PDB file of N, CA and C in Angstrom:
ATOM      1  N   LEU A   1       0.834  -1.146  -0.015  1.00  0.00           N
ATOM      2  CA  LEU A   1       0.034   0.035   0.099  1.00  0.00           C
ATOM      3  C   LEU A   1       0.946   1.198  -0.012  1.00  0.00           C
ATOM      4  N   ALA A   2       0.738   2.103  -0.933  1.00  0.00           N
ATOM      5  CA  ALA A   2       1.436   3.304  -1.103  1.00  0.00           C
ATOM      6  C   ALA A   2       0.549   4.440  -1.492  1.00  0.00           C
ATOM      7  N   ASN A   3       1.009   5.678  -1.211  1.00  0.00           N
ATOM      8  CA  ASN A   3       0.271   6.826  -1.627  1.00  0.00           C
ATOM      9  C   ASN A   3       1.209   7.879  -1.990  1.00  0.00           C
ATOM     10  N   TYR A   4       0.681   8.672  -3.040  1.00  0.00           N
ATOM     11  CA  TYR A   4       1.500   9.770  -3.597  1.00  0.00           C
ATOM     12  C   TYR A   4       0.653  10.796  -4.174  1.00  0.00           C
ATOM     13  N   PRO A   5       0.910  12.153  -4.240  1.00  0.00           N
ATOM     14  CA  PRO A   5       2.074  12.731  -3.440  1.00  0.00           C
ATOM     15  C   PRO A   5       1.717  12.525  -2.013  1.00  0.00           C
ATOM     16  N   ASN A   6       2.710  12.705  -1.178  1.00  0.00           N
ATOM     17  CA  ASN A   6       2.546  12.682   0.139  1.00  0.00           C
ATOM     18  C   ASN A   6       3.617  13.580   0.801  1.00  0.00           C
ATOM     19  N   PRO A   7       3.260  14.816   1.275  1.00  0.00           N
ATOM     20  CA  PRO A   7       1.956  15.402   1.523  1.00  0.00           C
ATOM     21  C   PRO A   7       1.170  15.802   0.309  1.00  0.00           C
ATOM     22  N   PHE A   8       0.037  15.954   0.380  1.00  0.00           N
ATOM     23  CA  PHE A   8      -0.871  16.267  -0.783  1.00  0.00           C
ATOM     24  C   PHE A   8      -1.793  17.522  -0.348  1.00  0.00           C
ATOM     25  N   THR A   9      -2.380  18.220  -1.306  1.00  0.00           N
ATOM     26  CA  THR A   9      -3.166  19.284  -1.234  1.00  0.00           C
ATOM     27  C   THR A   9      -4.626  18.980  -1.578  1.00  0.00           C
ATOM     28  N   ASP A  10      -4.895  18.383  -2.634  1.00  0.00           N
ATOM     29  CA  ASP A  10      -6.250  18.174  -3.099  1.00  0.00           C
ATOM     30  C   ASP A  10      -6.602  16.818  -3.448  1.00  0.00           C
ATOM     31  N   ARG A  11      -5.701  16.081  -3.773  1.00  0.00           N
ATOM     32  CA  ARG A  11      -5.904  14.598  -4.050  1.00  0.00           C
ATOM     33  C   ARG A  11      -4.705  13.649  -3.843  1.00  0.00           C
ATOM     34  N   VAL A  12      -4.909  12.508  -3.437  1.00  0.00           N
ATOM     35  CA  VAL A  12      -3.856  11.471  -3.310  1.00  0.00           C
ATOM     36  C   VAL A  12      -4.203  10.199  -3.914  1.00  0.00           C
ATOM     37  N   ALA A  13      -3.191   9.660  -4.732  1.00  0.00           N
ATOM     38  CA  ALA A  13      -3.441   8.291  -5.251  1.00  0.00           C
ATOM     39  C   ALA A  13      -2.877   7.213  -4.300  1.00  0.00           C
ATOM     40  N   ILE A  14      -3.803   6.228  -4.041  1.00  0.00           N
ATOM     41  CA  ILE A  14      -3.375   5.014  -3.262  1.00  0.00           C
ATOM     42  C   ILE A  14      -3.360   3.813  -4.063  1.00  0.00           C
ATOM     43  N   SER A  15      -2.092   3.260  -4.112  1.00  0.00           N
ATOM     44  CA  SER A  15      -1.841   2.124  -5.091  1.00  0.00           C
ATOM     45  C   SER A  15      -1.481   0.938  -4.133  1.00  0.00           C
ATOM     46  N   PHE A  16      -1.820  -0.202  -4.876  1.00  0.00           N
ATOM     47  CA  PHE A  16      -1.578  -1.497  -4.184  1.00  0.00           C
ATOM     48  C   PHE A  16      -1.717  -2.497  -5.247  1.00  0.00           C
ATOM     49  N   SER A  17      -1.237  -3.794  -5.006  1.00  0.00           N
ATOM     50  CA  SER A  17      -1.302  -4.814  -5.829  1.00  0.00           C
ATOM     51  C   SER A  17      -1.911  -6.070  -5.098  1.00  0.00           C
ATOM     52  N   LEU A  18      -2.795  -6.727  -5.690  1.00  0.00           N
ATOM     53  CA  LEU A  18      -3.312  -8.022  -5.206  1.00  0.00           C
ATOM     54  C   LEU A  18      -2.757  -9.296  -5.755  1.00  0.00           C
ATOM     55  N   PRO A  19      -2.392 -10.260  -4.954  1.00  0.00           N
ATOM     56  CA  PRO A  19      -1.821 -11.395  -5.511  1.00  0.00           C
ATOM     57  C   PRO A  19      -2.790 -12.340  -6.258  1.00  0.00           C
ATOM     58  N   ALA A  20      -4.043 -12.088  -5.818  1.00  0.00           N
ATOM     59  CA  ALA A  20      -5.166 -12.873  -6.305  1.00  0.00           C
ATOM     60  C   ALA A  20      -6.413 -12.139  -6.147  1.00  0.00           C
ATOM     61  N   PRO A  21      -7.444 -12.493  -6.885  1.00  0.00           N
ATOM     62  CA  PRO A  21      -8.894 -11.828  -6.763  1.00  0.00           C
ATOM     63  C   PRO A  21      -9.178 -11.904  -5.213  1.00  0.00           C
ATOM     64  N   ALA A  22      -9.794 -10.783  -4.740  1.00  0.00           N
ATOM     65  CA  ALA A  22     -10.228 -10.636  -3.275  1.00  0.00           C
ATOM     66  C   ALA A  22     -11.230  -9.649  -3.079  1.00  0.00           C
ATOM     67  N   ASP A  23     -12.043  -9.929  -2.107  1.00  0.00           N
ATOM     68  CA  ASP A  23     -13.045  -8.911  -1.468  1.00  0.00           C
ATOM     69  C   ASP A  23     -12.193  -7.919  -0.768  1.00  0.00           C
ATOM     70  N   VAL A  24     -12.246  -6.627  -1.158  1.00  0.00           N
ATOM     71  CA  VAL A  24     -11.236  -5.653  -0.623  1.00  0.00           C
ATOM     72  C   VAL A  24     -12.115  -4.481  -0.022  1.00  0.00           C
ATOM     73  N   ARG A  25     -11.673  -3.967   0.987  1.00  0.00           N
ATOM     74  CA  ARG A  25     -12.216  -2.708   1.510  1.00  0.00           C
ATOM     75  C   ARG A  25     -10.952  -1.773   1.826  1.00  0.00           C
ATOM     76  N   VAL A  26     -11.131  -0.508   1.122  1.00  0.00           N
ATOM     77  CA  VAL A  26     -10.080   0.561   1.414  1.00  0.00           C
ATOM     78  C   VAL A  26     -10.735   1.764   1.956  1.00  0.00           C
ATOM     79  N   GLU A  27     -10.246   2.113   3.239  1.00  0.00           N
ATOM     80  CA  GLU A  27     -10.762   3.243   3.930  1.00  0.00           C
ATOM     81  C   GLU A  27      -9.807   4.273   4.257  1.00  0.00           C
ATOM     82  N   VAL A  28     -10.352   5.535   4.531  1.00  0.00           N
ATOM     83  CA  VAL A  28      -9.489   6.672   4.970  1.00  0.00           C
ATOM     84  C   VAL A  28     -10.067   6.991   6.383  1.00  0.00           C
ATOM     85  N   ARG A  29      -9.244   7.054   7.322  1.00  0.00           N
ATOM     86  CA  ARG A  29      -9.785   7.509   8.559  1.00  0.00           C
ATOM     87  C   ARG A  29      -8.858   8.565   9.296  1.00  0.00           C
ATOM     88  N   ASP A  30      -9.413   9.473  10.126  1.00  0.00           N
ATOM     89  CA  ASP A  30      -8.642  10.369  10.807  1.00  0.00           C
ATOM     90  C   ASP A  30      -7.902   9.789  11.915  1.00  0.00           C
ATOM     91  N   ASP A  31      -7.037  10.706  12.592  1.00  0.00           N
ATOM     92  CA  ASP A  31      -6.201  10.210  13.722  1.00  0.00           C
ATOM     93  C   ASP A  31      -7.040   9.683  14.857  1.00  0.00           C
ATOM     94  N   LEU A  32      -8.333  10.052  14.950  1.00  0.00           N
ATOM     95  CA  LEU A  32      -9.187   9.558  16.084  1.00  0.00           C
ATOM     96  C   LEU A  32      -9.878   8.277  15.715  1.00  0.00           C
ATOM     97  N   GLY A  33      -9.631   7.757  14.491  1.00  0.00           N
ATOM     98  CA  GLY A  33     -10.158   6.393  14.035  1.00  0.00           C
ATOM     99  C   GLY A  33     -11.592   6.655  13.222  1.00  0.00           C
ATOM    100  N   ARG A  34     -12.114   7.868  13.114  1.00  0.00           N
ATOM    101  CA  ARG A  34     -13.421   8.142  12.468  1.00  0.00           C
ATOM    102  C   ARG A  34     -13.198   7.919  10.992  1.00  0.00           C
ATOM    103  N   LEU A  35     -14.216   7.180  10.508  1.00  0.00           N
ATOM    104  CA  LEU A  35     -14.312   6.864   8.916  1.00  0.00           C
ATOM    105  C   LEU A  35     -14.512   8.392   8.172  1.00  0.00           C
ATOM    106  N   ILE A  36     -13.604   8.446   7.320  1.00  0.00           N
ATOM    107  CA  ILE A  36     -13.742   9.738   6.396  1.00  0.00           C
ATOM    108  C   ILE A  36     -14.157   9.400   5.018  1.00  0.00           C
ATOM    109  N   ALA A  37     -13.703   8.240   4.450  1.00  0.00           N
ATOM    110  CA  ALA A  37     -14.126   7.953   3.133  1.00  0.00           C
ATOM    111  C   ALA A  37     -13.841   6.375   2.925  1.00  0.00           C
ATOM    112  N   VAL A  38     -14.824   5.693   2.134  1.00  0.00           N
ATOM    113  CA  VAL A  38     -14.553   4.304   1.642  1.00  0.00           C
ATOM    114  C   VAL A  38     -14.317   4.505   0.217  1.00  0.00           C
ATOM    115  N   LEU A  39     -12.956   4.158  -0.242  1.00  0.00           N
ATOM    116  CA  LEU A  39     -12.610   4.188  -1.649  1.00  0.00           C
ATOM    117  C   LEU A  39     -12.867   2.837  -2.400  1.00  0.00           C
ATOM    118  N   ALA A  40     -13.013   1.855  -1.759  1.00  0.00           N
ATOM    119  CA  ALA A  40     -13.340   0.539  -2.328  1.00  0.00           C
ATOM    120  C   ALA A  40     -13.923  -0.398  -1.414  1.00  0.00           C
ATOM    121  N   ASN A  41     -14.903  -1.193  -1.967  1.00  0.00           N
ATOM    122  CA  ASN A  41     -15.686  -2.051  -1.006  1.00  0.00           C
ATOM    123  C   ASN A  41     -16.199  -3.126  -1.804  1.00  0.00           C
ATOM    124  N   GLY A  42     -15.537  -4.180  -2.172  1.00  0.00           N
ATOM    125  CA  GLY A  42     -15.961  -5.274  -3.194  1.00  0.00           C
ATOM    126  C   GLY A  42     -14.852  -6.068  -3.682  1.00  0.00           C
ATOM    127  N   GLU A  43     -15.311  -6.986  -4.522  1.00  0.00           N
ATOM    128  CA  GLU A  43     -14.494  -7.904  -5.300  1.00  0.00           C
ATOM    129  C   GLU A  43     -13.508  -7.050  -6.296  1.00  0.00           C
ATOM    130  N   MET A  44     -12.200  -7.347  -6.117  1.00  0.00           N
ATOM    131  CA  MET A  44     -11.229  -6.774  -7.069  1.00  0.00           C
ATOM    132  C   MET A  44     -10.345  -7.784  -7.786  1.00  0.00           C
ATOM    133  N   ALA A  45      -9.992  -7.732  -8.933  1.00  0.00           N
ATOM    134  CA  ALA A  45      -9.015  -8.544  -9.709  1.00  0.00           C
ATOM    135  C   ALA A  45      -7.689  -8.558  -9.094  1.00  0.00           C
ATOM    136  N   ALA A  46      -7.077  -9.652  -9.354  1.00  0.00           N
ATOM    137  CA  ALA A  46      -5.612  -9.640  -9.143  1.00  0.00           C
ATOM    138  C   ALA A  46      -4.786  -8.653  -9.834  1.00  0.00           C
ATOM    139  N   GLY A  47      -3.760  -8.127  -9.358  1.00  0.00           N
ATOM    140  CA  GLY A  47      -2.909  -7.350 -10.102  1.00  0.00           C
ATOM    141  C   GLY A  47      -2.901  -5.840  -9.445  1.00  0.00           C
ATOM    142  N   PRO A  48      -2.240  -4.947 -10.166  1.00  0.00           N
ATOM    143  CA  PRO A  48      -2.026  -3.604  -9.508  1.00  0.00           C
ATOM    144  C   PRO A  48      -3.432  -2.777  -9.712  1.00  0.00           C
ATOM    145  N   HIS A  49      -3.508  -1.915  -8.654  1.00  0.00           N
ATOM    146  CA  HIS A  49      -4.621  -1.004  -8.551  1.00  0.00           C
ATOM    147  C   HIS A  49      -4.365   0.271  -8.058  1.00  0.00           C
ATOM    148  N   GLU A  50      -5.064   1.340  -8.412  1.00  0.00           N
ATOM    149  CA  GLU A  50      -4.844   2.706  -7.983  1.00  0.00           C
ATOM    150  C   GLU A  50      -6.213   3.389  -7.708  1.00  0.00           C
ATOM    151  N   LEU A  51      -6.418   3.840  -6.463  1.00  0.00           N
ATOM    152  CA  LEU A  51      -7.567   4.675  -6.224  1.00  0.00           C
ATOM    153  C   LEU A  51      -7.145   6.011  -5.798  1.00  0.00           C
ATOM    154  N   LEU A  52      -8.051   6.919  -6.154  1.00  0.00           N
ATOM    155  CA  LEU A  52      -7.825   8.327  -5.918  1.00  0.00           C
ATOM    156  C   LEU A  52      -8.765   8.876  -4.861  1.00  0.00           C
ATOM    157  N   TRP A  53      -8.318   9.598  -3.894  1.00  0.00           N
ATOM    158  CA  TRP A  53      -9.115  10.197  -2.944  1.00  0.00           C
ATOM    159  C   TRP A  53      -8.910  11.634  -3.034  1.00  0.00           C
ATOM    160  N   ARG A  54     -10.047  12.381  -3.297  1.00  0.00           N
ATOM    161  CA  ARG A  54     -10.154  13.837  -3.377  1.00  0.00           C
ATOM    162  C   ARG A  54     -11.126  14.373  -2.472  1.00  0.00           C
ATOM    163  N   PRO A  55     -10.619  14.776  -1.329  1.00  0.00           N
ATOM    164  CA  PRO A  55     -11.603  15.340  -0.294  1.00  0.00           C
ATOM    165  C   PRO A  55     -12.139  16.527  -0.752  1.00  0.00           C
ATOM    166  N   ALA A  56     -13.465  16.758  -0.571  1.00  0.00           N
ATOM    167  CA  ALA A  56     -14.114  17.973  -0.918  1.00  0.00           C
ATOM    168  C   ALA A  56     -13.561  19.175  -0.253  1.00  0.00           C
ATOM    169  N   ALA A  57     -13.488  20.304  -0.881  1.00  0.00           N
ATOM    170  CA  ALA A  57     -12.749  21.422  -0.147  1.00  0.00           C
ATOM    171  C   ALA A  57     -13.738  21.708   0.979  1.00  0.00           C
ATOM    172  N   GLY A  58     -12.901  21.854   2.206  1.00  0.00           N
ATOM    173  CA  GLY A  58     -13.559  22.258   3.512  1.00  0.00           C
ATOM    174  C   GLY A  58     -14.121  21.076   4.210  1.00  0.00           C
ATOM    175  N   SER A  59     -14.276  19.896   3.568  1.00  0.00           N
ATOM    176  CA  SER A  59     -14.877  18.709   4.292  1.00  0.00           C
ATOM    177  C   SER A  59     -13.898  18.031   5.262  1.00  0.00           C
ATOM    178  N   VAL A  60     -12.589  18.160   5.191  1.00  0.00           N
ATOM    179  CA  VAL A  60     -11.668  17.723   6.114  1.00  0.00           C
ATOM    180  C   VAL A  60     -10.521  18.729   6.395  1.00  0.00           C
ATOM    181  N   ALA A  61      -9.931  18.597   7.560  1.00  0.00           N
ATOM    182  CA  ALA A  61      -8.927  19.524   8.025  1.00  0.00           C
ATOM    183  C   ALA A  61      -7.621  19.157   7.496  1.00  0.00           C
ATOM    184  N   ALA A  62      -6.676  19.940   7.415  1.00  0.00           N
ATOM    185  CA  ALA A  62      -5.188  19.601   7.249  1.00  0.00           C
ATOM    186  C   ALA A  62      -4.798  18.734   8.412  1.00  0.00           C
ATOM    187  N   ALA A  63      -4.442  17.509   8.117  1.00  0.00           N
ATOM    188  CA  ALA A  63      -4.088  16.593   9.142  1.00  0.00           C
ATOM    189  C   ALA A  63      -3.409  15.400   8.428  1.00  0.00           C
ATOM    190  N   THR A  64      -3.002  14.385   9.389  1.00  0.00           N
ATOM    191  CA  THR A  64      -2.539  13.027   8.922  1.00  0.00           C
ATOM    192  C   THR A  64      -3.756  12.161   8.933  1.00  0.00           C
ATOM    193  N   TYR A  65      -3.916  11.464   7.876  1.00  0.00           N
ATOM    194  CA  TYR A  65      -5.027  10.395   7.661  1.00  0.00           C
ATOM    195  C   TYR A  65      -4.318   9.110   7.561  1.00  0.00           C
ATOM    196  N   GLY A  66      -5.114   7.957   8.002  1.00  0.00           N
ATOM    197  CA  GLY A  66      -4.751   6.703   7.705  1.00  0.00           C
ATOM    198  C   GLY A  66      -5.474   5.986   6.636  1.00  0.00           C
ATOM    199  N   CYS A  67      -4.725   5.442   5.706  1.00  0.00           N
ATOM    200  CA  CYS A  67      -5.345   4.640   4.634  1.00  0.00           C
ATOM    201  C   CYS A  67      -5.164   3.164   4.881  1.00  0.00           C
ATOM    202  N   THR A  68      -6.239   2.416   4.959  1.00  0.00           N
ATOM    203  CA  THR A  68      -6.130   1.028   5.349  1.00  0.00           C
ATOM    204  C   THR A  68      -6.772   0.252   4.261  1.00  0.00           C
ATOM    205  N   LEU A  69      -6.219  -0.875   3.816  1.00  0.00           N
ATOM    206  CA  LEU A  69      -6.693  -1.891   2.987  1.00  0.00           C
ATOM    207  C   LEU A  69      -6.903  -3.170   3.736  1.00  0.00           C
ATOM    208  N   ARG A  70      -8.137  -3.764   3.522  1.00  0.00           N
ATOM    209  CA  ARG A  70      -8.400  -4.995   4.312  1.00  0.00           C
ATOM    210  C   ARG A  70      -9.069  -6.053   3.310  1.00  0.00           C
ATOM    211  N   SER A  71      -8.591  -7.207   3.537  1.00  0.00           N
ATOM    212  CA  SER A  71      -9.145  -8.317   2.771  1.00  0.00           C
ATOM    213  C   SER A  71      -8.921  -9.598   3.589  1.00  0.00           C
ATOM    214  N   GLU A  72      -9.218 -10.696   2.958  1.00  0.00           N
ATOM    215  CA  GLU A  72      -9.121 -11.949   3.749  1.00  0.00           C
ATOM    216  C   GLU A  72      -7.734 -12.193   4.253  1.00  0.00           C
ATOM    217  N   ARG A  73      -6.924 -11.927   3.224  1.00  0.00           N
ATOM    218  CA  ARG A  73      -5.429 -12.215   3.524  1.00  0.00           C
ATOM    219  C   ARG A  73      -4.537 -10.991   3.651  1.00  0.00           C
ATOM    220  N   LEU A  74      -5.067  -9.835   3.510  1.00  0.00           N
ATOM    221  CA  LEU A  74      -4.247  -8.632   3.710  1.00  0.00           C
ATOM    222  C   LEU A  74      -4.841  -7.646   4.676  1.00  0.00           C
ATOM    223  N   ASN A  75      -3.951  -6.952   5.424  1.00  0.00           N
ATOM    224  CA  ASN A  75      -4.363  -5.953   6.330  1.00  0.00           C
ATOM    225  C   ASN A  75      -3.236  -4.938   6.230  1.00  0.00           C
ATOM    226  N   LEU A  76      -3.397  -3.828   5.557  1.00  0.00           N
ATOM    227  CA  LEU A  76      -2.249  -2.892   5.206  1.00  0.00           C
ATOM    228  C   LEU A  76      -2.638  -1.381   5.636  1.00  0.00           C
ATOM    229  N   ASN A  77      -1.711  -0.833   6.125  1.00  0.00           N
ATOM    230  CA  ASN A  77      -2.075   0.701   6.658  1.00  0.00           C
ATOM    231  C   ASN A  77      -0.862   1.544   6.005  1.00  0.00           C
ATOM    232  N   GLU A  78      -1.225   2.740   5.834  1.00  0.00           N
ATOM    233  CA  GLU A  78      -0.329   3.765   5.332  1.00  0.00           C
ATOM    234  C   GLU A  78      -0.853   5.111   5.721  1.00  0.00           C
ATOM    235  N   ARG A  79      -0.071   6.113   6.058  1.00  0.00           N
ATOM    236  CA  ARG A  79      -0.381   7.377   6.584  1.00  0.00           C
ATOM    237  C   ARG A  79      -0.170   8.260   5.435  1.00  0.00           C
ATOM    238  N   CYS A  80      -1.186   9.348   5.300  1.00  0.00           N
ATOM    239  CA  CYS A  80      -0.957  10.392   4.336  1.00  0.00           C
ATOM    240  C   CYS A  80      -1.177  11.678   4.916  1.00  0.00           C
ATOM    241  N   LEU A  81      -0.636  12.638   4.482  1.00  0.00           N
ATOM    242  CA  LEU A  81      -0.583  14.075   5.109  1.00  0.00           C
ATOM    243  C   LEU A  81      -1.402  15.038   4.212  1.00  0.00           C
ATOM    244  N   LEU A  82      -2.412  15.602   4.597  1.00  0.00           N
ATOM    245  CA  LEU A  82      -3.182  16.698   3.830  1.00  0.00           C
ATOM    246  C   LEU A  82      -2.686  18.025   4.250  1.00  0.00           C
ATOM    247  N   VAL A  83      -2.142  18.764   3.342  1.00  0.00           N
ATOM    248  CA  VAL A  83      -1.797  20.215   3.804  1.00  0.00           C
ATOM    249  C   VAL A  83      -2.712  21.145   3.016  1.00  0.00           C
ATOM    250  N   LEU A  84      -2.697  22.215   3.562  1.00  0.00           N
ATOM    251  CA  LEU A  84      -3.679  23.367   2.918  1.00  0.00           C
ATOM    252  C   LEU A  84      -2.866  23.997   1.816  1.00  0.00           C
ATOM    253  N   ALA A  85      -3.610  24.109   0.629  1.00  0.00           N
ATOM    254  CA  ALA A  85      -3.080  24.804  -0.512  1.00  0.00           C
ATOM    255  C   ALA A  85      -2.958  26.300  -0.350  1.00  0.00           C
ATOM    256  N   ARG A  86      -1.862  26.994  -0.765  1.00  0.00           N
ATOM    257  CA  ARG A  86      -1.728  28.347  -0.608  1.00  0.00           C
ATOM    258  C   ARG A  86      -2.293  29.206  -1.698  1.00  0.00           C
TER     259      ARG A  86
END
């Protein structure tokens, strides 16, 4: 699980690769563990994937967020930092 750019201002790409088809859930949560967004929730094919998170302007604060990928065989976490655009 990787994200770029990091830090980001308006969008971040979250990339990962699945070794086999899987039922996958990818979430973004704040530092308090509150669910901010669900980027994927369902069956995905084996191979590389990229999801884009574009928080709506004013919907979230500049902060560190956790991206989590969960499936039957995977539980991956990565941090991403949202900064305010000047």
